């Protein structure tokens, strides 16, 4: 289904209401026709190609649910941010950035990218920089490169139309994805807050309900709070030493009943980012293959006041 936000900016809604393995696309009916992402609806994409034209495909990023049907447009130029281009151009880079080269998930993802989400490497015809102004006919967009979800996740701001395409900064109840090898939680937070501060009337996302009316600061805060809840759950789990396999099996992200290598990979991709942070901040230790949260230091012992009751210590500057 296609929904018109404006006369020239349309949403191509993905299957399953935009839930994975689909993702909404944007279509700019100007400048020869610009498709933003190719994971929505193959029939609608083909109809647009035949009836309106697709002069270029702008990829917000390299994830599988966004390139699903890109291989059906083999002669259409592909544009992306400079930072994400290497993963669109090379299967080996794509696998490396997913963090699966050389581990137990490599064979699974090679099969995924050969069968379920056919990956055909594409030479990126144009790389886009943060802040760059793009002209699609008479329609103006400004590129917002938002690292964290991927190294160069690309959002598009249409300031004259009051529209910001957030892509996979999607405000969904599941929460953020920051599990790719070159990415991390801090970068995701910075980008999310930056995006929430951009003035727009309508914010379009890649998954679930496609349009959020602005402002979205409160929604973005709630979205990022999922990250904090994940970390708290992990801290609770690590009160006792836990191996990598035990952490994965606990299913802190997806919950019980989600079995198989896709969920194994996704659990570790996200939770390992939290573990990296805890280790860097000296809040956890890895010893003999097991992670454990460090106990907080015992409070300093002071003498009891003369009445025999524990007193409060007031600290000054």
C-alpha atoms as a PDB file:
ATOM      1  CA  UNK A   1       0.000   0.000   0.000  1.00  0.00           C
ATOM      2  CA  UNK A   2       1.157   3.514  -0.777  1.00  0.00           C
ATOM      3  CA  UNK A   3       0.278   6.460   1.462  1.00  0.00           C
ATOM      4  CA  UNK A   4       0.899  10.025   0.295  1.00  0.00           C
ATOM      5  CA  UNK A   5       2.391  12.244   2.971  1.00  0.00           C
ATOM      6  CA  UNK A   6       2.625  15.143   0.545  1.00  0.00           C
ATOM      7  CA  UNK A   7       2.096  15.511  -3.170  1.00  0.00           C
ATOM      8  CA  UNK A   8       5.669  14.309  -3.775  1.00  0.00           C
ATOM      9  CA  UNK A   9       6.618  12.274  -0.678  1.00  0.00           C
ATOM     10  CA  UNK A  10       4.979   8.864  -0.402  1.00  0.00           C
ATOM     11  CA  UNK A  11       5.286   5.916   1.989  1.00  0.00           C
ATOM     12  CA  UNK A  12       5.495   2.422   0.499  1.00  0.00           C
ATOM     13  CA  UNK A  13       4.283   0.340   3.405  1.00  0.00           C
ATOM     14  CA  UNK A  14       6.038  -2.931   4.115  1.00  0.00           C
ATOM     15  CA  UNK A  15       4.380  -6.300   4.683  1.00  0.00           C
ATOM     16  CA  UNK A  16       3.250  -7.275   8.186  1.00  0.00           C
ATOM     17  CA  UNK A  17       2.638  -3.573   8.907  1.00  0.00           C
ATOM     18  CA  UNK A  18       6.340  -2.960   8.495  1.00  0.00           C
ATOM     19  CA  UNK A  19       7.440  -5.552  11.017  1.00  0.00           C
ATOM     20  CA  UNK A  20      10.577  -7.575  10.370  1.00  0.00           C
ATOM     21  CA  UNK A  21      11.420  -9.024   7.859  1.00  0.00           C
ATOM     22  CA  UNK A  22       9.866  -6.038   6.070  1.00  0.00           C
ATOM     23  CA  UNK A  23      10.586  -2.311   6.310  1.00  0.00           C
ATOM     24  CA  UNK A  24       8.668   0.679   5.003  1.00  0.00           C
ATOM     25  CA  UNK A  25      10.174   2.538   2.053  1.00  0.00           C
ATOM     26  CA  UNK A  26       9.883   6.185   1.116  1.00  0.00           C
ATOM     27  CA  UNK A  27       9.276   7.281  -2.470  1.00  0.00           C
ATOM     28  CA  UNK A  28       9.938  10.776  -3.772  1.00  0.00           C
ATOM     29  CA  UNK A  29       7.798  11.363  -6.844  1.00  0.00           C
ATOM     30  CA  UNK A  30      10.181  13.954  -8.219  1.00  0.00           C
ATOM     31  CA  UNK A  31      13.536  14.042  -9.977  1.00  0.00           C
ATOM     32  CA  UNK A  32      12.769  10.901 -11.928  1.00  0.00           C
ATOM     33  CA  UNK A  33      11.580   9.010  -8.836  1.00  0.00           C
ATOM     34  CA  UNK A  34      13.701   8.211  -5.790  1.00  0.00           C
ATOM     35  CA  UNK A  35      13.136   5.062  -3.732  1.00  0.00           C
ATOM     36  CA  UNK A  36      14.480   5.132  -0.171  1.00  0.00           C
ATOM     37  CA  UNK A  37      15.184   1.535   0.917  1.00  0.00           C
ATOM     38  CA  UNK A  38      14.003  -1.598  -0.863  1.00  0.00           C
ATOM     39  CA  UNK A  39      12.514  -3.870   1.791  1.00  0.00           C
ATOM     40  CA  UNK A  40       8.843  -2.904   1.703  1.00  0.00           C
ATOM     41  CA  UNK A  41       6.550  -4.386  -0.975  1.00  0.00           C
ATOM     42  CA  UNK A  42       7.984  -5.871  -4.167  1.00  0.00           C
ATOM     43  CA  UNK A  43       4.735  -5.480  -6.112  1.00  0.00           C
ATOM     44  CA  UNK A  44       4.433  -1.797  -5.257  1.00  0.00           C
ATOM     45  CA  UNK A  45       8.109  -1.200  -5.986  1.00  0.00           C
ATOM     46  CA  UNK A  46       7.719  -2.797  -9.399  1.00  0.00           C
ATOM     47  CA  UNK A  47       4.596  -0.750 -10.104  1.00  0.00           C
ATOM     48  CA  UNK A  48       6.439   2.436  -9.185  1.00  0.00           C
ATOM     49  CA  UNK A  49       9.318   1.466 -11.451  1.00  0.00           C
ATOM     50  CA  UNK A  50       7.005   0.902 -14.418  1.00  0.00           C
ATOM     51  CA  UNK A  51       4.535   3.745 -13.924  1.00  0.00           C
ATOM     52  CA  UNK A  52       6.541   6.501 -12.229  1.00  0.00           C
ATOM     53  CA  UNK A  53      10.177   5.570 -12.593  1.00  0.00           C
ATOM     54  CA  UNK A  54      12.983   4.891 -10.124  1.00  0.00           C
ATOM     55  CA  UNK A  55      16.049   6.935 -11.005  1.00  0.00           C
ATOM     56  CA  UNK A  56      17.995   5.892  -7.878  1.00  0.00           C
ATOM     57  CA  UNK A  57      17.668   3.896  -4.682  1.00  0.00           C
ATOM     58  CA  UNK A  58      18.876   5.679  -1.553  1.00  0.00           C
ATOM     59  CA  UNK A  59      19.786   3.142   1.139  1.00  0.00           C
ATOM     60  CA  UNK A  60      19.435   4.284   4.733  1.00  0.00           C
ATOM     61  CA  UNK A  61      21.745   1.418   5.696  1.00  0.00           C
ATOM     62  CA  UNK A  62      22.885  -2.084   4.768  1.00  0.00           C
ATOM     63  CA  UNK A  63      20.640  -4.338   6.908  1.00  0.00           C
ATOM     64  CA  UNK A  64      18.890  -7.248   5.260  1.00  0.00           C
ATOM     65  CA  UNK A  65      15.307  -6.079   5.776  1.00  0.00           C
ATOM     66  CA  UNK A  66      16.150  -2.883   3.875  1.00  0.00           C
ATOM     67  CA  UNK A  67      17.909  -4.418   0.859  1.00  0.00           C
ATOM     68  CA  UNK A  68      15.552  -7.401   0.440  1.00  0.00           C
ATOM     69  CA  UNK A  69      14.265  -6.445  -3.015  1.00  0.00           C
ATOM     70  CA  UNK A  70      17.216  -4.333  -4.162  1.00  0.00           C
ATOM     71  CA  UNK A  71      18.437  -7.185  -6.362  1.00  0.00           C
ATOM     72  CA  UNK A  72      15.261  -6.749  -8.453  1.00  0.00           C
ATOM     73  CA  UNK A  73      16.559  -3.339  -9.533  1.00  0.00           C
ATOM     74  CA  UNK A  74      19.964  -4.395 -10.866  1.00  0.00           C
ATOM     75  CA  UNK A  75      20.463  -1.424 -13.183  1.00  0.00           C
ATOM     76  CA  UNK A  76      19.291   1.303 -10.799  1.00  0.00           C
ATOM     77  CA  UNK A  77      22.027   3.454  -9.220  1.00  0.00           C
ATOM     78  CA  UNK A  78      22.419   2.996  -5.459  1.00  0.00           C
ATOM     79  CA  UNK A  79      23.260   5.858  -3.116  1.00  0.00           C
ATOM     80  CA  UNK A  80      24.257   5.600   0.541  1.00  0.00           C
ATOM     81  CA  UNK A  81      26.340   7.291   3.175  1.00  0.00           C
ATOM     82  CA  UNK A  82      30.071   6.913   2.696  1.00  0.00           C
ATOM     83  CA  UNK A  83      30.364   5.032   5.999  1.00  0.00           C
ATOM     84  CA  UNK A  84      27.827   2.333   5.070  1.00  0.00           C
ATOM     85  CA  UNK A  85      28.864   1.910   1.422  1.00  0.00           C
ATOM     86  CA  UNK A  86      31.505  -0.825   2.030  1.00  0.00           C
ATOM     87  CA  UNK A  87      28.899  -3.244   3.411  1.00  0.00           C
ATOM     88  CA  UNK A  88      26.637  -2.721   0.391  1.00  0.00           C
ATOM     89  CA  UNK A  89      29.562  -3.389  -1.933  1.00  0.00           C
ATOM     90  CA  UNK A  90      30.996  -6.556  -0.354  1.00  0.00           C
ATOM     91  CA  UNK A  91      29.505  -9.664   1.227  1.00  0.00           C
ATOM     92  CA  UNK A  92      32.664 -10.202   3.278  1.00  0.00           C
ATOM     93  CA  UNK A  93      32.408  -6.697   4.725  1.00  0.00           C
ATOM     94  CA  UNK A  94      28.709  -7.207   5.406  1.00  0.00           C
ATOM     95  CA  UNK A  95      29.456 -10.407   7.342  1.00  0.00           C
ATOM     96  CA  UNK A  96      32.335  -8.753   9.217  1.00  0.00           C
ATOM     97  CA  UNK A  97      30.179  -5.818  10.250  1.00  0.00           C
ATOM     98  CA  UNK A  98      27.444  -8.181  11.419  1.00  0.00           C
ATOM     99  CA  UNK A  99      30.169  -9.690  13.583  1.00  0.00           C
ATOM    100  CA  UNK A 100      29.803 -13.245  12.275  1.00  0.00           C
ATOM    101  CA  UNK A 101      33.008 -13.892  10.324  1.00  0.00           C
ATOM    102  CA  UNK A 102      34.878 -16.813  11.794  1.00  0.00           C
ATOM    103  CA  UNK A 103      32.331 -17.786  14.431  1.00  0.00           C
ATOM    104  CA  UNK A 104      29.463 -20.243  14.765  1.00  0.00           C
ATOM    105  CA  UNK A 105      27.013 -17.958  12.938  1.00  0.00           C
ATOM    106  CA  UNK A 106      28.967 -17.380   9.735  1.00  0.00           C
ATOM    107  CA  UNK A 107      27.527 -20.348   7.807  1.00  0.00           C
ATOM    108  CA  UNK A 108      23.993 -19.444   8.911  1.00  0.00           C
ATOM    109  CA  UNK A 109      24.305 -15.854   7.685  1.00  0.00           C
ATOM    110  CA  UNK A 110      25.937 -16.859   4.424  1.00  0.00           C
ATOM    111  CA  UNK A 111      22.857 -18.966   3.778  1.00  0.00           C
ATOM    112  CA  UNK A 112      20.528 -16.148   4.865  1.00  0.00           C
ATOM    113  CA  UNK A 113      22.195 -13.727   2.432  1.00  0.00           C
ATOM    114  CA  UNK A 114      22.039 -16.291  -0.370  1.00  0.00           C
ATOM    115  CA  UNK A 115      18.446 -17.435   0.066  1.00  0.00           C
ATOM    116  CA  UNK A 116      16.076 -15.527   2.338  1.00  0.00           C
ATOM    117  CA  UNK A 117      17.579 -12.061   1.740  1.00  0.00           C
ATOM    118  CA  UNK A 118      19.439 -12.336  -1.567  1.00  0.00           C
ATOM    119  CA  UNK A 119      22.480 -10.089  -1.339  1.00  0.00           C
ATOM    120  CA  UNK A 120      23.994  -8.875  -4.577  1.00  0.00           C
ATOM    121  CA  UNK A 121      26.960  -6.544  -4.010  1.00  0.00           C
ATOM    122  CA  UNK A 122      26.348  -3.139  -5.541  1.00  0.00           C
ATOM    123  CA  UNK A 123      28.839  -0.452  -6.358  1.00  0.00           C
ATOM    124  CA  UNK A 124      27.545   2.652  -4.626  1.00  0.00           C
ATOM    125  CA  UNK A 125      27.172   5.283  -7.334  1.00  0.00           C
ATOM    126  CA  UNK A 126      26.981   8.251  -4.977  1.00  0.00           C
ATOM    127  CA  UNK A 127      28.094   8.605  -1.383  1.00  0.00           C
ATOM    128  CA  UNK A 128      26.288  11.113   0.798  1.00  0.00           C
ATOM    129  CA  UNK A 129      27.787  13.197   3.606  1.00  0.00           C
ATOM    130  CA  UNK A 130      26.166  14.487   6.771  1.00  0.00           C
ATOM    131  CA  UNK A 131      24.494  17.830   6.128  1.00  0.00           C
ATOM    132  CA  UNK A 132      24.606  17.434   2.354  1.00  0.00           C
ATOM    133  CA  UNK A 133      21.654  18.943   0.503  1.00  0.00           C
ATOM    134  CA  UNK A 134      20.034  16.636  -2.018  1.00  0.00           C
ATOM    135  CA  UNK A 135      17.810  17.881  -4.816  1.00  0.00           C
ATOM    136  CA  UNK A 136      15.226  15.501  -6.192  1.00  0.00           C
ATOM    137  CA  UNK A 137      13.717  17.709  -8.867  1.00  0.00           C
ATOM    138  CA  UNK A 138      12.061  20.499  -6.888  1.00  0.00           C
ATOM    139  CA  UNK A 139      12.076  18.488  -3.648  1.00  0.00           C
ATOM    140  CA  UNK A 140      14.848  19.314  -1.198  1.00  0.00           C
ATOM    141  CA  UNK A 141      16.269  16.917   1.378  1.00  0.00           C
ATOM    142  CA  UNK A 142      19.109  17.305   3.854  1.00  0.00           C
ATOM    143  CA  UNK A 143      21.153  14.230   4.799  1.00  0.00           C
ATOM    144  CA  UNK A 144      21.483  13.401   8.482  1.00  0.00           C
ATOM    145  CA  UNK A 145      24.094  10.694   9.054  1.00  0.00           C
ATOM    146  CA  UNK A 146      23.239   9.067  12.379  1.00  0.00           C
ATOM    147  CA  UNK A 147      25.847   6.471  13.449  1.00  0.00           C
ATOM    148  CA  UNK A 148      24.972   3.894  16.073  1.00  0.00           C
ATOM    149  CA  UNK A 149      22.498   1.611  14.355  1.00  0.00           C
ATOM    150  CA  UNK A 150      25.070   1.187  11.600  1.00  0.00           C
ATOM    151  CA  UNK A 151      28.263   3.225  11.124  1.00  0.00           C
ATOM    152  CA  UNK A 152      26.583   5.581   8.665  1.00  0.00           C
ATOM    153  CA  UNK A 153      22.816   5.163   9.034  1.00  0.00           C
ATOM    154  CA  UNK A 154      21.277   7.792   6.770  1.00  0.00           C
ATOM    155  CA  UNK A 155      18.185   9.790   7.664  1.00  0.00           C
ATOM    156  CA  UNK A 156      16.559  12.297   5.318  1.00  0.00           C
ATOM    157  CA  UNK A 157      15.109  15.606   6.448  1.00  0.00           C
ATOM    158  CA  UNK A 158      12.705  17.353   4.089  1.00  0.00           C
ATOM    159  CA  UNK A 159      12.629  20.767   5.770  1.00  0.00           C
ATOM    160  CA  UNK A 160      10.259  22.403   3.272  1.00  0.00           C
ATOM    161  CA  UNK A 161       7.726  19.626   3.861  1.00  0.00           C
ATOM    162  CA  UNK A 162       8.162  19.167   7.616  1.00  0.00           C
ATOM    163  CA  UNK A 163       9.128  15.490   7.192  1.00  0.00           C
ATOM    164  CA  UNK A 164      12.043  13.563   8.723  1.00  0.00           C
ATOM    165  CA  UNK A 165      12.651   9.957   7.683  1.00  0.00           C
ATOM    166  CA  UNK A 166      14.181   8.298  10.755  1.00  0.00           C
ATOM    167  CA  UNK A 167      14.675   4.851   9.229  1.00  0.00           C
ATOM    168  CA  UNK A 168      15.604   2.367  11.935  1.00  0.00           C
ATOM    169  CA  UNK A 169      15.626   4.892  14.752  1.00  0.00           C
ATOM    170  CA  UNK A 170      12.108   3.584  14.729  1.00  0.00           C
ATOM    171  CA  UNK A 171      10.691   4.340  18.218  1.00  0.00           C
ATOM    172  CA  UNK A 172       9.354   0.764  18.405  1.00  0.00           C
ATOM    173  CA  UNK A 173       8.576  -0.920  21.711  1.00  0.00           C
ATOM    174  CA  UNK A 174      11.304  -3.518  21.073  1.00  0.00           C
ATOM    175  CA  UNK A 175      13.906  -0.797  21.505  1.00  0.00           C
ATOM    176  CA  UNK A 176      17.139   0.088  19.704  1.00  0.00           C
ATOM    177  CA  UNK A 177      19.484  -2.108  17.710  1.00  0.00           C
ATOM    178  CA  UNK A 178      23.187  -1.242  18.201  1.00  0.00           C
ATOM    179  CA  UNK A 179      24.634  -4.724  17.797  1.00  0.00           C
ATOM    180  CA  UNK A 180      26.727  -4.405  14.642  1.00  0.00           C
ATOM    181  CA  UNK A 181      30.470  -4.823  15.152  1.00  0.00           C
ATOM    182  CA  UNK A 182      31.440  -1.197  14.330  1.00  0.00           C
ATOM    183  CA  UNK A 183      28.609   0.285  16.426  1.00  0.00           C
ATOM    184  CA  UNK A 184      27.776   0.931  20.043  1.00  0.00           C
ATOM    185  CA  UNK A 185      25.335   2.207  22.626  1.00  0.00           C
ATOM    186  CA  UNK A 186      26.846   5.658  23.178  1.00  0.00           C
ATOM    187  CA  UNK A 187      26.844   6.502  19.473  1.00  0.00           C
ATOM    188  CA  UNK A 188      23.246   5.326  19.180  1.00  0.00           C
ATOM    189  CA  UNK A 189      22.168   7.546  22.070  1.00  0.00           C
ATOM    190  CA  UNK A 190      23.886  10.604  20.606  1.00  0.00           C
ATOM    191  CA  UNK A 191      22.291  10.111  17.213  1.00  0.00           C
ATOM    192  CA  UNK A 192      18.844   9.418  18.653  1.00  0.00           C
ATOM    193  CA  UNK A 193      18.916  12.607  20.706  1.00  0.00           C
ATOM    194  CA  UNK A 194      20.121  14.606  17.737  1.00  0.00           C
ATOM    195  CA  UNK A 195      17.290  13.271  15.582  1.00  0.00           C
ATOM    196  CA  UNK A 196      14.682  14.027  18.247  1.00  0.00           C
ATOM    197  CA  UNK A 197      15.852  17.639  18.230  1.00  0.00           C
ATOM    198  CA  UNK A 198      15.291  18.195  14.505  1.00  0.00           C
ATOM    199  CA  UNK A 199      12.208  20.266  13.795  1.00  0.00           C
ATOM    200  CA  UNK A 200       9.571  18.385  11.804  1.00  0.00           C
ATOM    201  CA  UNK A 201       5.828  17.859  11.829  1.00  0.00           C
ATOM    202  CA  UNK A 202       5.940  14.216  10.805  1.00  0.00           C
ATOM    203  CA  UNK A 203       8.589  11.642  11.620  1.00  0.00           C
ATOM    204  CA  UNK A 204       8.543   8.550   9.406  1.00  0.00           C
ATOM    205  CA  UNK A 205      10.032   5.268  10.622  1.00  0.00           C
ATOM    206  CA  UNK A 206      10.880   1.993   8.911  1.00  0.00           C
ATOM    207  CA  UNK A 207       8.932  -0.356  11.185  1.00  0.00           C
ATOM    208  CA  UNK A 208       5.418  -0.658  12.582  1.00  0.00           C
ATOM    209  CA  UNK A 209       3.243   2.469  12.477  1.00  0.00           C
ATOM    210  CA  UNK A 210       5.082   4.560   9.892  1.00  0.00           C
ATOM    211  CA  UNK A 211       4.178   8.118  10.955  1.00  0.00           C
ATOM    212  CA  UNK A 212       4.722   9.844  14.301  1.00  0.00           C
ATOM    213  CA  UNK A 213       3.536  13.392  14.793  1.00  0.00           C
ATOM    214  CA  UNK A 214       6.099  15.707  16.320  1.00  0.00           C
ATOM    215  CA  UNK A 215       7.580  16.545  18.675  1.00  0.00           C
ATOM    216  CA  UNK A 216       9.019  13.131  19.524  1.00  0.00           C
ATOM    217  CA  UNK A 217      11.377  13.893  22.429  1.00  0.00           C
ATOM    218  CA  UNK A 218       9.226  11.934  24.881  1.00  0.00           C
ATOM    219  CA  UNK A 219       8.939   8.941  22.560  1.00  0.00           C
ATOM    220  CA  UNK A 220      12.681   8.938  21.951  1.00  0.00           C
ATOM    221  CA  UNK A 221      13.355   9.023  25.694  1.00  0.00           C
ATOM    222  CA  UNK A 222      11.068   6.015  26.193  1.00  0.00           C
ATOM    223  CA  UNK A 223      12.733   4.237  23.275  1.00  0.00           C
ATOM    224  CA  UNK A 224      16.214   4.730  24.714  1.00  0.00           C
ATOM    225  CA  UNK A 225      15.024   3.632  28.161  1.00  0.00           C
ATOM    226  CA  UNK A 226      14.727   0.083  26.762  1.00  0.00           C
ATOM    227  CA  UNK A 227      18.525   0.077  26.606  1.00  0.00           C
ATOM    228  CA  UNK A 228      18.708   0.890  30.316  1.00  0.00           C
ATOM    229  CA  UNK A 229      16.295  -1.924  31.176  1.00  0.00           C
ATOM    230  CA  UNK A 230      18.389  -4.386  29.186  1.00  0.00           C
ATOM    231  CA  UNK A 231      21.495  -3.381  31.100  1.00  0.00           C
ATOM    232  CA  UNK A 232      19.745  -3.670  34.450  1.00  0.00           C
ATOM    233  CA  UNK A 233      18.511  -7.165  33.561  1.00  0.00           C
ATOM    234  CA  UNK A 234      22.040  -8.144  32.577  1.00  0.00           C
ATOM    235  CA  UNK A 235      23.461  -6.755  35.817  1.00  0.00           C
ATOM    236  CA  UNK A 236      20.987  -8.818  37.803  1.00  0.00           C
ATOM    237  CA  UNK A 237      21.938 -11.938  35.850  1.00  0.00           C
ATOM    238  CA  UNK A 238      25.643 -11.335  36.471  1.00  0.00           C
ATOM    239  CA  UNK A 239      25.347 -11.349  40.250  1.00  0.00           C
ATOM    240  CA  UNK A 240      26.538 -14.899  39.703  1.00  0.00           C
ATOM    241  CA  UNK A 241      29.267 -15.796  37.182  1.00  0.00           C
ATOM    242  CA  UNK A 242      27.781 -16.498  33.743  1.00  0.00           C
ATOM    243  CA  UNK A 243      29.418 -17.793  30.588  1.00  0.00           C
ATOM    244  CA  UNK A 244      28.720 -16.437  27.122  1.00  0.00           C
ATOM    245  CA  UNK A 245      26.506 -19.450  26.397  1.00  0.00           C
ATOM    246  CA  UNK A 246      24.540 -18.960  29.619  1.00  0.00           C
ATOM    247  CA  UNK A 247      23.968 -15.279  28.882  1.00  0.00           C
ATOM    248  CA  UNK A 248      22.700 -16.085  25.388  1.00  0.00           C
ATOM    249  CA  UNK A 249      20.448 -18.872  26.628  1.00  0.00           C
ATOM    250  CA  UNK A 250      18.751 -16.642  29.209  1.00  0.00           C
ATOM    251  CA  UNK A 251      17.082 -14.648  26.376  1.00  0.00           C
ATOM    252  CA  UNK A 252      17.106 -11.305  28.171  1.00  0.00           C
ATOM    253  CA  UNK A 253      16.315  -9.495  24.899  1.00  0.00           C
ATOM    254  CA  UNK A 254      13.743 -11.674  23.176  1.00  0.00           C
ATOM    255  CA  UNK A 255      12.320 -13.752  25.994  1.00  0.00           C
ATOM    256  CA  UNK A 256      11.693 -17.498  26.123  1.00  0.00           C
ATOM    257  CA  UNK A 257      10.416 -19.405  23.119  1.00  0.00           C
ATOM    258  CA  UNK A 258      12.700 -17.704  20.593  1.00  0.00           C
ATOM    259  CA  UNK A 259      15.111 -20.435  19.586  1.00  0.00           C
ATOM    260  CA  UNK A 260      17.722 -20.871  16.882  1.00  0.00           C
ATOM    261  CA  UNK A 261      20.852 -19.200  15.554  1.00  0.00           C
ATOM    262  CA  UNK A 262      19.196 -15.906  14.553  1.00  0.00           C
ATOM    263  CA  UNK A 263      18.115 -15.262  18.141  1.00  0.00           C
ATOM    264  CA  UNK A 264      21.392 -16.595  19.560  1.00  0.00           C
ATOM    265  CA  UNK A 265      23.302 -14.139  17.397  1.00  0.00           C
ATOM    266  CA  UNK A 266      21.007 -11.210  18.146  1.00  0.00           C
ATOM    267  CA  UNK A 267      21.117 -11.752  21.907  1.00  0.00           C
ATOM    268  CA  UNK A 268      24.901 -11.743  21.936  1.00  0.00           C
ATOM    269  CA  UNK A 269      25.252  -8.886  19.440  1.00  0.00           C
ATOM    270  CA  UNK A 270      23.298  -6.572  21.753  1.00  0.00           C
ATOM    271  CA  UNK A 271      24.329  -7.841  25.173  1.00  0.00           C
ATOM    272  CA  UNK A 272      28.015  -7.945  24.279  1.00  0.00           C
ATOM    273  CA  UNK A 273      27.858  -4.163  23.817  1.00  0.00           C
ATOM    274  CA  UNK A 274      26.639  -3.814  27.400  1.00  0.00           C
ATOM    275  CA  UNK A 275      29.340  -6.191  28.600  1.00  0.00           C
ATOM    276  CA  UNK A 276      32.010  -4.227  26.765  1.00  0.00           C
ATOM    277  CA  UNK A 277      30.848  -1.086  28.528  1.00  0.00           C
ATOM    278  CA  UNK A 278      30.763  -2.718  31.946  1.00  0.00           C
ATOM    279  CA  UNK A 279      34.269  -4.096  31.490  1.00  0.00           C
ATOM    280  CA  UNK A 280      35.611  -0.756  30.257  1.00  0.00           C
ATOM    281  CA  UNK A 281      34.102   1.018  33.279  1.00  0.00           C
ATOM    282  CA  UNK A 282      35.536  -1.644  35.605  1.00  0.00           C
ATOM    283  CA  UNK A 283      32.031  -2.595  36.700  1.00  0.00           C
ATOM    284  CA  UNK A 284      32.380  -6.256  35.693  1.00  0.00           C
ATOM    285  CA  UNK A 285      35.085  -8.868  35.344  1.00  0.00           C
ATOM    286  CA  UNK A 286      35.705 -11.732  32.920  1.00  0.00           C
ATOM    287  CA  UNK A 287      37.444 -14.570  34.675  1.00  0.00           C
ATOM    288  CA  UNK A 288      37.827 -18.189  33.547  1.00  0.00           C
ATOM    289  CA  UNK A 289      35.337 -17.629  30.744  1.00  0.00           C
ATOM    290  CA  UNK A 290      32.613 -16.220  32.976  1.00  0.00           C
ATOM    291  CA  UNK A 291      31.335 -12.682  33.424  1.00  0.00           C
ATOM    292  CA  UNK A 292      30.379 -11.317  36.819  1.00  0.00           C
ATOM    293  CA  UNK A 293      29.319  -7.908  38.019  1.00  0.00           C
ATOM    294  CA  UNK A 294      31.622  -6.430  40.614  1.00  0.00           C
ATOM    295  CA  UNK A 295      30.229  -5.970  44.090  1.00  0.00           C
ATOM    296  CA  UNK A 296      29.932  -2.319  45.126  1.00  0.00           C
ATOM    297  CA  UNK A 297      32.546  -1.300  47.703  1.00  0.00           C
ATOM    298  CA  UNK A 298      31.441  -1.641  51.293  1.00  0.00           C
ATOM    299  CA  UNK A 299      30.482   1.681  52.887  1.00  0.00           C
ATOM    300  CA  UNK A 300      33.157   3.247  55.047  1.00  0.00           C
ATOM    301  CA  UNK A 301      32.816   2.291  58.681  1.00  0.00           C
ATOM    302  CA  UNK A 302      32.494   5.187  61.092  1.00  0.00           C
ATOM    303  CA  UNK A 303      32.020   5.226  64.823  1.00  0.00           C
ATOM    304  CA  UNK A 304      28.491   5.348  66.179  1.00  0.00           C
ATOM    305  CA  UNK A 305      27.288   8.566  67.728  1.00  0.00           C
ATOM    306  CA  UNK A 306      27.143   8.730  71.541  1.00  0.00           C
ATOM    307  CA  UNK A 307      23.467   7.699  71.655  1.00  0.00           C
ATOM    308  CA  UNK A 308      24.367   4.353  70.101  1.00  0.00           C
ATOM    309  CA  UNK A 309      22.345   4.808  66.892  1.00  0.00           C
ATOM    310  CA  UNK A 310      23.745   4.855  63.363  1.00  0.00           C
ATOM    311  CA  UNK A 311      24.097   8.456  62.248  1.00  0.00           C
ATOM    312  CA  UNK A 312      24.066  10.138  58.843  1.00  0.00           C
ATOM    313  CA  UNK A 313      27.293  11.499  57.425  1.00  0.00           C
ATOM    314  CA  UNK A 314      26.926  14.812  55.638  1.00  0.00           C
ATOM    315  CA  UNK A 315      29.643  15.487  53.072  1.00  0.00           C
ATOM    316  CA  UNK A 316      30.586  18.981  52.048  1.00  0.00           C
ATOM    317  CA  UNK A 317      32.501  20.199  49.038  1.00  0.00           C
END
